[in-house]
Amino acid sequence: RIQMKPNPITFIGLLNACSHAGMVNEGRQIFKLMK
């Protein structure tokens, strides 16, 4: 929302969060969003 551009480490944190919560679909979407 504030247009803060994430870096590769941000996405590692997000994917790790989804992994520990079992949020498979959300994790797949984040991986695609990053690319």
All heavy atoms as atom14 arrays in JSON, in Angstrom:
{
  "sequence": "RIQMKPNPITFIGLLNACSHAGMVNEGRQIFKLMK",
  "atom14_mask": [
    [1, 1, 1, 1, 1, 1, 1, 1, 1, 1, 1, 0, 0, 0],
    [1, 1, 1, 1, 1, 1, 1, 1, 0, 0, 0, 0, 0, 0],
    [1, 1, 1, 1, 1, 1, 1, 1, 1, 0, 0, 0, 0, 0],
    [1, 1, 1, 1, 1, 1, 1, 1, 0, 0, 0, 0, 0, 0],
    [1, 1, 1, 1, 1, 1, 1, 1, 1, 0, 0, 0, 0, 0],
    [1, 1, 1, 1, 1, 1, 1, 0, 0, 0, 0, 0, 0, 0],
    [1, 1, 1, 1, 1, 1, 1, 1, 0, 0, 0, 0, 0, 0],
    [1, 1, 1, 1, 1, 1, 1, 0, 0, 0, 0, 0, 0, 0],
    [1, 1, 1, 1, 1, 1, 1, 1, 0, 0, 0, 0, 0, 0],
    [1, 1, 1, 1, 1, 1, 1, 0, 0, 0, 0, 0, 0, 0],
    [1, 1, 1, 1, 1, 1, 1, 1, 1, 1, 1, 0, 0, 0],
    [1, 1, 1, 1, 1, 1, 1, 1, 0, 0, 0, 0, 0, 0],
    [1, 1, 1, 1, 0, 0, 0, 0, 0, 0, 0, 0, 0, 0],
    [1, 1, 1, 1, 1, 1, 1, 1, 0, 0, 0, 0, 0, 0],
    [1, 1, 1, 1, 1, 1, 1, 1, 0, 0, 0, 0, 0, 0],
    [1, 1, 1, 1, 1, 1, 1, 1, 0, 0, 0, 0, 0, 0],
    [1, 1, 1, 1, 1, 0, 0, 0, 0, 0, 0, 0, 0, 0],
    [1, 1, 1, 1, 1, 1, 0, 0, 0, 0, 0, 0, 0, 0],
    [1, 1, 1, 1, 1, 1, 0, 0, 0, 0, 0, 0, 0, 0],
    [1, 1, 1, 1, 1, 1, 1, 1, 1, 1, 0, 0, 0, 0],
    [1, 1, 1, 1, 1, 0, 0, 0, 0, 0, 0, 0, 0, 0],
    [1, 1, 1, 1, 0, 0, 0, 0, 0, 0, 0, 0, 0, 0],
    [1, 1, 1, 1, 1, 1, 1, 1, 0, 0, 0, 0, 0, 0],
    [1, 1, 1, 1, 1, 1, 1, 0, 0, 0, 0, 0, 0, 0],
    [1, 1, 1, 1, 1, 1, 1, 1, 0, 0, 0, 0, 0, 0],
    [1, 1, 1, 1, 1, 1, 1, 1, 1, 0, 0, 0, 0, 0],
    [1, 1, 1, 1, 0, 0, 0, 0, 0, 0, 0, 0, 0, 0],
    [1, 1, 1, 1, 1, 1, 1, 1, 1, 1, 1, 0, 0, 0],
    [1, 1, 1, 1, 1, 1, 1, 1, 1, 0, 0, 0, 0, 0],
    [1, 1, 1, 1, 1, 1, 1, 1, 0, 0, 0, 0, 0, 0],
    [1, 1, 1, 1, 1, 1, 1, 1, 1, 1, 1, 0, 0, 0],
    [1, 1, 1, 1, 1, 1, 1, 1, 1, 0, 0, 0, 0, 0],
    [1, 1, 1, 1, 1, 1, 1, 1, 0, 0, 0, 0, 0, 0],
    [1, 1, 1, 1, 1, 1, 1, 1, 0, 0, 0, 0, 0, 0],
    [1, 1, 1, 1, 1, 1, 1, 1, 1, 0, 0, 0, 0, 0]
  ],
  "atom14_positions": [
    [[0.83, -1.22, 0.0], [0.0, 0.0, 0.0], [0.86, 1.26, 0.0], [0.5, 2.27, -0.62], [-0.94, 0.01, 1.22], [-2.24, -0.74, 0.97], [-3.27, -0.42, 2.05], [-2.9, -0.96, 3.35], [-3.21, -2.18, 3.75], [-3.87, -3.0, 2.94], [-2.84, -2.61, 4.95], [0.0, 0.0, 0.0], [0.0, 0.0, 0.0], [0.0, 0.0, 0.0]],
    [[1.98, 1.23, 0.72], [2.85, 2.42, 0.76], [3.93, 2.37, -0.32], [4.85, 3.17, -0.33], [3.49, 2.6, 2.15], [4.44, 1.45, 2.48], [2.43, 2.78, 3.23], [5.3, 1.68, 3.7], [0.0, 0.0, 0.0], [0.0, 0.0, 0.0], [0.0, 0.0, 0.0], [0.0, 0.0, 0.0], [0.0, 0.0, 0.0], [0.0, 0.0, 0.0]],
    [[3.8, 1.37, -1.21], [4.72, 1.21, -2.35], [6.18, 1.01, -1.92], [7.1, 1.5, -2.55], [4.6, 2.4, -3.32], [3.22, 2.51, -3.93], [3.12, 3.62, -4.96], [3.73, 4.67, -4.8], [2.35, 3.38, -6.02], [0.0, 0.0, 0.0], [0.0, 0.0, 0.0], [0.0, 0.0, 0.0], [0.0, 0.0, 0.0], [0.0, 0.0, 0.0]],
    [[6.34, 0.27, -0.82], [7.67, -0.15, -0.38], [8.02, -1.43, -1.14], [7.35, -2.45, -0.99], [7.67, -0.41, 1.13], [8.96, -1.0, 1.68], [10.33, 0.16, 1.77], [9.82, 1.22, 3.12], [0.0, 0.0, 0.0], [0.0, 0.0, 0.0], [0.0, 0.0, 0.0], [0.0, 0.0, 0.0], [0.0, 0.0, 0.0], [0.0, 0.0, 0.0]],
    [[9.03, -1.36, -1.98], [9.36, -2.5, -2.84], [10.09, -3.57, -2.05], [11.13, -3.31, -1.46], [10.23, -2.02, -4.01], [10.45, -3.09, -5.06], [11.27, -2.54, -6.22], [11.55, -3.64, -7.25], [12.38, -3.14, -8.36], [0.0, 0.0, 0.0], [0.0, 0.0, 0.0], [0.0, 0.0, 0.0], [0.0, 0.0, 0.0], [0.0, 0.0, 0.0]],
    [[9.57, -4.81, -2.02], [10.24, -5.88, -1.27], [11.51, -6.33, -1.96], [11.71, -6.12, -3.16], [9.19, -7.0, -1.26], [8.36, -6.75, -2.48], [8.34, -5.27, -2.68], [0.0, 0.0, 0.0], [0.0, 0.0, 0.0], [0.0, 0.0, 0.0], [0.0, 0.0, 0.0], [0.0, 0.0, 0.0], [0.0, 0.0, 0.0], [0.0, 0.0, 0.0]],
    [[12.39, -6.96, -1.2], [13.61, -7.52, -1.78], [13.56, -9.05, -1.67], [12.6, -9.61, -1.12], [14.86, -6.94, -1.1], [14.97, -7.32, 0.37], [14.25, -8.19, 0.87], [15.86, -6.68, 1.08], [0.0, 0.0, 0.0], [0.0, 0.0, 0.0], [0.0, 0.0, 0.0], [0.0, 0.0, 0.0], [0.0, 0.0, 0.0], [0.0, 0.0, 0.0]],
    [[14.55, -9.77, -2.18], [14.5, -11.24, -2.13], [14.33, -11.81, -0.72], [13.66, -12.83, -0.53], [15.85, -11.65, -2.73], [16.19, -10.54, -3.67], [15.7, -9.29, -2.99], [0.0, 0.0, 0.0], [0.0, 0.0, 0.0], [0.0, 0.0, 0.0], [0.0, 0.0, 0.0], [0.0, 0.0, 0.0], [0.0, 0.0, 0.0], [0.0, 0.0, 0.0]],
    [[14.93, -11.14, 0.3], [14.83, -11.65, 1.67], [13.39, -11.53, 2.19], [12.91, -12.38, 2.94], [15.81, -10.92, 2.61], [17.25, -11.12, 2.1], [15.71, -11.42, 4.04], [18.28, -10.29, 2.81], [0.0, 0.0, 0.0], [0.0, 0.0, 0.0], [0.0, 0.0, 0.0], [0.0, 0.0, 0.0], [0.0, 0.0, 0.0], [0.0, 0.0, 0.0]],
    [[12.7, -10.47, 1.77], [11.29, -10.3, 2.17], [10.49, -11.52, 1.74], [9.67, -12.06, 2.51], [10.68, -9.04, 1.52], [11.59, -7.95, 1.62], [9.38, -8.67, 2.19], [0.0, 0.0, 0.0], [0.0, 0.0, 0.0], [0.0, 0.0, 0.0], [0.0, 0.0, 0.0], [0.0, 0.0, 0.0], [0.0, 0.0, 0.0], [0.0, 0.0, 0.0]],
    [[10.73, -11.98, 0.52], [9.97, -13.13, 0.01], [10.38, -14.43, 0.69], [9.54, -15.32, 0.86], [10.13, -13.22, -1.52], [9.28, -12.22, -2.25], [9.83, -11.08, -2.78], [7.91, -12.43, -2.39], [9.04, -10.15, -3.45], [7.11, -11.51, -3.05], [7.67, -10.36, -3.57], [0.0, 0.0, 0.0], [0.0, 0.0, 0.0], [0.0, 0.0, 0.0]],
    [[11.63, -14.53, 1.1], [12.02, -15.71, 1.89], [11.22, -15.76, 3.18], [10.72, -16.8, 3.59], [13.54, -15.69, 2.17], [14.32, -15.98, 0.88], [13.91, -16.72, 3.25], [15.82, -15.81, 1.0], [0.0, 0.0, 0.0], [0.0, 0.0, 0.0], [0.0, 0.0, 0.0], [0.0, 0.0, 0.0], [0.0, 0.0, 0.0], [0.0, 0.0, 0.0]],
    [[11.09, -14.59, 3.84], [10.3, -14.5, 5.07], [8.85, -14.89, 4.84], [8.24, -15.61, 5.65], [0.0, 0.0, 0.0], [0.0, 0.0, 0.0], [0.0, 0.0, 0.0], [0.0, 0.0, 0.0], [0.0, 0.0, 0.0], [0.0, 0.0, 0.0], [0.0, 0.0, 0.0], [0.0, 0.0, 0.0], [0.0, 0.0, 0.0], [0.0, 0.0, 0.0]],
    [[8.25, -14.4, 3.74], [6.84, -14.69, 3.43], [6.64, -16.17, 3.13], [5.69, -16.8, 3.63], [6.39, -13.85, 2.24], [6.24, -12.35, 2.5], [6.12, -11.59, 1.19], [5.02, -12.06, 3.39], [0.0, 0.0, 0.0], [0.0, 0.0, 0.0], [0.0, 0.0, 0.0], [0.0, 0.0, 0.0], [0.0, 0.0, 0.0], [0.0, 0.0, 0.0]],
    [[7.52, -16.74, 2.32], [7.39, -18.17, 1.97], [7.59, -19.04, 3.21], [6.89, -20.04, 3.39], [8.42, -18.53, 0.89], [8.14, -17.96, -0.5], [9.38, -18.11, -1.39], [6.95, -18.66, -1.14], [0.0, 0.0, 0.0], [0.0, 0.0, 0.0], [0.0, 0.0, 0.0], [0.0, 0.0, 0.0], [0.0, 0.0, 0.0], [0.0, 0.0, 0.0]],
    [[8.52, -18.65, 4.06], [8.76, -19.38, 5.3], [7.53, -19.32, 6.22], [7.16, -20.31, 6.85], [9.99, -18.8, 6.0], [10.49, -19.68, 7.12], [10.55, -20.89, 6.99], [10.85, -19.07, 8.24], [0.0, 0.0, 0.0], [0.0, 0.0, 0.0], [0.0, 0.0, 0.0], [0.0, 0.0, 0.0], [0.0, 0.0, 0.0], [0.0, 0.0, 0.0]],
    [[6.91, -18.14, 6.27], [5.69, -17.98, 7.09], [4.59, -18.9, 6.6], [3.92, -19.58, 7.38], [5.23, -16.52, 7.05], [0.0, 0.0, 0.0], [0.0, 0.0, 0.0], [0.0, 0.0, 0.0], [0.0, 0.0, 0.0], [0.0, 0.0, 0.0], [0.0, 0.0, 0.0], [0.0, 0.0, 0.0], [0.0, 0.0, 0.0], [0.0, 0.0, 0.0]],
    [[4.38, -18.92, 5.29], [3.35, -19.79, 4.7], [3.67, -21.26, 4.97], [2.78, -22.07, 5.24], [3.24, -19.55, 3.2], [2.57, -17.93, 2.77], [0.0, 0.0, 0.0], [0.0, 0.0, 0.0], [0.0, 0.0, 0.0], [0.0, 0.0, 0.0], [0.0, 0.0, 0.0], [0.0, 0.0, 0.0], [0.0, 0.0, 0.0], [0.0, 0.0, 0.0]],
    [[4.96, -21.61, 4.9], [5.38, -22.99, 5.12], [5.01, -23.47, 6.52], [4.48, -24.56, 6.7], [6.89, -23.1, 4.9], [7.34, -24.41, 5.15], [0.0, 0.0, 0.0], [0.0, 0.0, 0.0], [0.0, 0.0, 0.0], [0.0, 0.0, 0.0], [0.0, 0.0, 0.0], [0.0, 0.0, 0.0], [0.0, 0.0, 0.0], [0.0, 0.0, 0.0]],
    [[5.28, -22.62, 7.53], [5.01, -23.02, 8.91], [3.53, -22.98, 9.27], [3.15, -23.53, 10.31], [5.8, -22.12, 9.87], [7.26, -22.42, 9.87], [7.78, -23.64, 10.2], [8.34, -21.64, 9.56], [9.09, -23.62, 10.11], [9.46, -22.42, 9.72], [0.0, 0.0, 0.0], [0.0, 0.0, 0.0], [0.0, 0.0, 0.0], [0.0, 0.0, 0.0]],
    [[2.73, -22.36, 8.44], [1.29, -22.3, 8.73], [0.48, -23.2, 7.8], [-0.75, -23.25, 7.89], [0.8, -20.86, 8.58], [0.0, 0.0, 0.0], [0.0, 0.0, 0.0], [0.0, 0.0, 0.0], [0.0, 0.0, 0.0], [0.0, 0.0, 0.0], [0.0, 0.0, 0.0], [0.0, 0.0, 0.0], [0.0, 0.0, 0.0], [0.0, 0.0, 0.0]],
    [[1.16, -23.91, 6.89], [0.46, -24.82, 5.98], [-0.35, -24.1, 4.92], [-1.3, -24.68, 4.36], [0.0, 0.0, 0.0], [0.0, 0.0, 0.0], [0.0, 0.0, 0.0], [0.0, 0.0, 0.0], [0.0, 0.0, 0.0], [0.0, 0.0, 0.0], [0.0, 0.0, 0.0], [0.0, 0.0, 0.0], [0.0, 0.0, 0.0], [0.0, 0.0, 0.0]],
    [[0.0, -22.85, 4.63], [-0.76, -22.05, 3.65], [-0.14, -22.27, 2.26], [0.59, -21.45, 1.73], [-0.74, -20.59, 4.07], [-1.42, -20.36, 5.41], [-1.16, -18.71, 6.13], [-2.1, -17.68, 5.02], [0.0, 0.0, 0.0], [0.0, 0.0, 0.0], [0.0, 0.0, 0.0], [0.0, 0.0, 0.0], [0.0, 0.0, 0.0], [0.0, 0.0, 0.0]],
    [[-0.48, -23.43, 1.67], [0.17, -23.87, 0.43], [-0.22, -22.97, -0.74], [0.65, -22.51, -1.49], [-0.17, -25.34, 0.13], [0.46, -25.77, -1.19], [0.31, -26.24, 1.26], [0.0, 0.0, 0.0], [0.0, 0.0, 0.0], [0.0, 0.0, 0.0], [0.0, 0.0, 0.0], [0.0, 0.0, 0.0], [0.0, 0.0, 0.0], [0.0, 0.0, 0.0]],
    [[-1.51, -22.72, -0.9], [-1.95, -21.89, -2.04], [-1.38, -20.48, -1.97], [-0.92, -19.92, -2.97], [-3.48, -21.83, -2.1], [-4.07, -23.17, -2.52], [-3.42, -23.93, -3.24], [-5.28, -23.45, -2.08], [0.0, 0.0, 0.0], [0.0, 0.0, 0.0], [0.0, 0.0, 0.0], [0.0, 0.0, 0.0], [0.0, 0.0, 0.0], [0.0, 0.0, 0.0]],
    [[-1.4, -19.91, -0.75], [-0.85, -18.56, -0.58], [0.65, -18.54, -0.91], [1.15, -17.6, -1.53], [-1.07, -18.07, 0.85], [-2.52, -17.81, 1.22], [-3.29, -19.03, 1.68], [-2.78, -20.16, 1.46], [-4.38, -18.87, 2.23], [0.0, 0.0, 0.0], [0.0, 0.0, 0.0], [0.0, 0.0, 0.0], [0.0, 0.0, 0.0], [0.0, 0.0, 0.0]],
    [[1.36, -19.6, -0.49], [2.8, -19.69, -0.78], [3.07, -19.77, -2.27], [3.98, -19.13, -2.79], [0.0, 0.0, 0.0], [0.0, 0.0, 0.0], [0.0, 0.0, 0.0], [0.0, 0.0, 0.0], [0.0, 0.0, 0.0], [0.0, 0.0, 0.0], [0.0, 0.0, 0.0], [0.0, 0.0, 0.0], [0.0, 0.0, 0.0], [0.0, 0.0, 0.0]],
    [[2.27, -20.57, -2.97], [2.42, -20.67, -4.43], [2.21, -19.32, -5.09], [2.95, -18.92, -6.0], [1.43, -21.68, -4.99], [1.74, -23.14, -4.65], [0.64, -24.02, -5.22], [0.84, -25.43, -4.93], [-0.15, -26.25, -4.54], [-1.38, -25.79, -4.37], [0.1, -27.54, -4.32], [0.0, 0.0, 0.0], [0.0, 0.0, 0.0], [0.0, 0.0, 0.0]],
    [[1.18, -18.59, -4.62], [0.87, -17.27, -5.21], [2.01, -16.28, -4.96], [2.37, -15.49, -5.84], [-0.43, -16.74, -4.62], [-1.68, -17.46, -5.1], [-2.92, -17.1, -4.29], [-2.92, -16.13, -3.53], [-3.98, -17.89, -4.45], [0.0, 0.0, 0.0], [0.0, 0.0, 0.0], [0.0, 0.0, 0.0], [0.0, 0.0, 0.0], [0.0, 0.0, 0.0]],
    [[2.57, -16.31, -3.77], [3.68, -15.39, -3.43], [4.89, -15.69, -4.31], [5.56, -14.77, -4.79], [4.02, -15.49, -1.93], [2.96, -14.74, -1.13], [5.4, -14.92, -1.63], [2.99, -14.99, 0.35], [0.0, 0.0, 0.0], [0.0, 0.0, 0.0], [0.0, 0.0, 0.0], [0.0, 0.0, 0.0], [0.0, 0.0, 0.0], [0.0, 0.0, 0.0]],
    [[5.16, -16.98, -4.53], [6.29, -17.34, -5.39], [6.09, -16.8, -6.81], [7.03, -16.26, -7.42], [6.43, -18.87, -5.43], [7.74, -19.36, -5.99], [8.87, -19.42, -5.2], [7.82, -19.76, -7.32], [10.08, -19.87, -5.71], [9.02, -20.21, -7.85], [10.15, -20.27, -7.04], [0.0, 0.0, 0.0], [0.0, 0.0, 0.0], [0.0, 0.0, 0.0]],
    [[4.87, -16.91, -7.32], [4.57, -16.37, -8.66], [4.65, -14.85, -8.67], [5.16, -14.25, -9.61], [3.17, -16.82, -9.1], [3.07, -18.29, -9.45], [1.64, -18.67, -9.8], [1.5, -20.17, -10.06], [0.08, -20.56, -10.28], [0.0, 0.0, 0.0], [0.0, 0.0, 0.0], [0.0, 0.0, 0.0], [0.0, 0.0, 0.0], [0.0, 0.0, 0.0]],
    [[4.12, -14.22, -7.61], [4.15, -12.75, -7.51], [5.58, -12.23, -7.54], [5.88, -11.24, -8.21], [3.47, -12.33, -6.19], [3.36, -10.83, -5.93], [2.26, -10.22, -6.79], [3.05, -10.56, -4.46], [0.0, 0.0, 0.0], [0.0, 0.0, 0.0], [0.0, 0.0, 0.0], [0.0, 0.0, 0.0], [0.0, 0.0, 0.0], [0.0, 0.0, 0.0]],
    [[6.45, -12.91, -6.82], [7.85, -12.5, -6.78], [8.46, -12.5, -8.18], [9.15, -11.56, -8.57], [8.62, -13.47, -5.87], [10.12, -13.21, -5.8], [10.97, -14.45, -4.8], [10.9, -15.88, -5.88], [0.0, 0.0, 0.0], [0.0, 0.0, 0.0], [0.0, 0.0, 0.0], [0.0, 0.0, 0.0], [0.0, 0.0, 0.0], [0.0, 0.0, 0.0]],
    [[8.18, -13.56, -8.94], [8.76, -13.68, -10.28], [8.09, -12.75, -11.29], [8.76, -12.06, -12.05], [8.64, -15.13, -10.78], [9.53, -16.11, -10.06], [9.73, -17.4, -10.86], [8.4, -18.1, -11.16], [8.63, -19.34, -11.93], [0.0, 0.0, 0.0], [0.0, 0.0, 0.0], [0.0, 0.0, 0.0], [0.0, 0.0, 0.0], [0.0, 0.0, 0.0]]
  ]
}
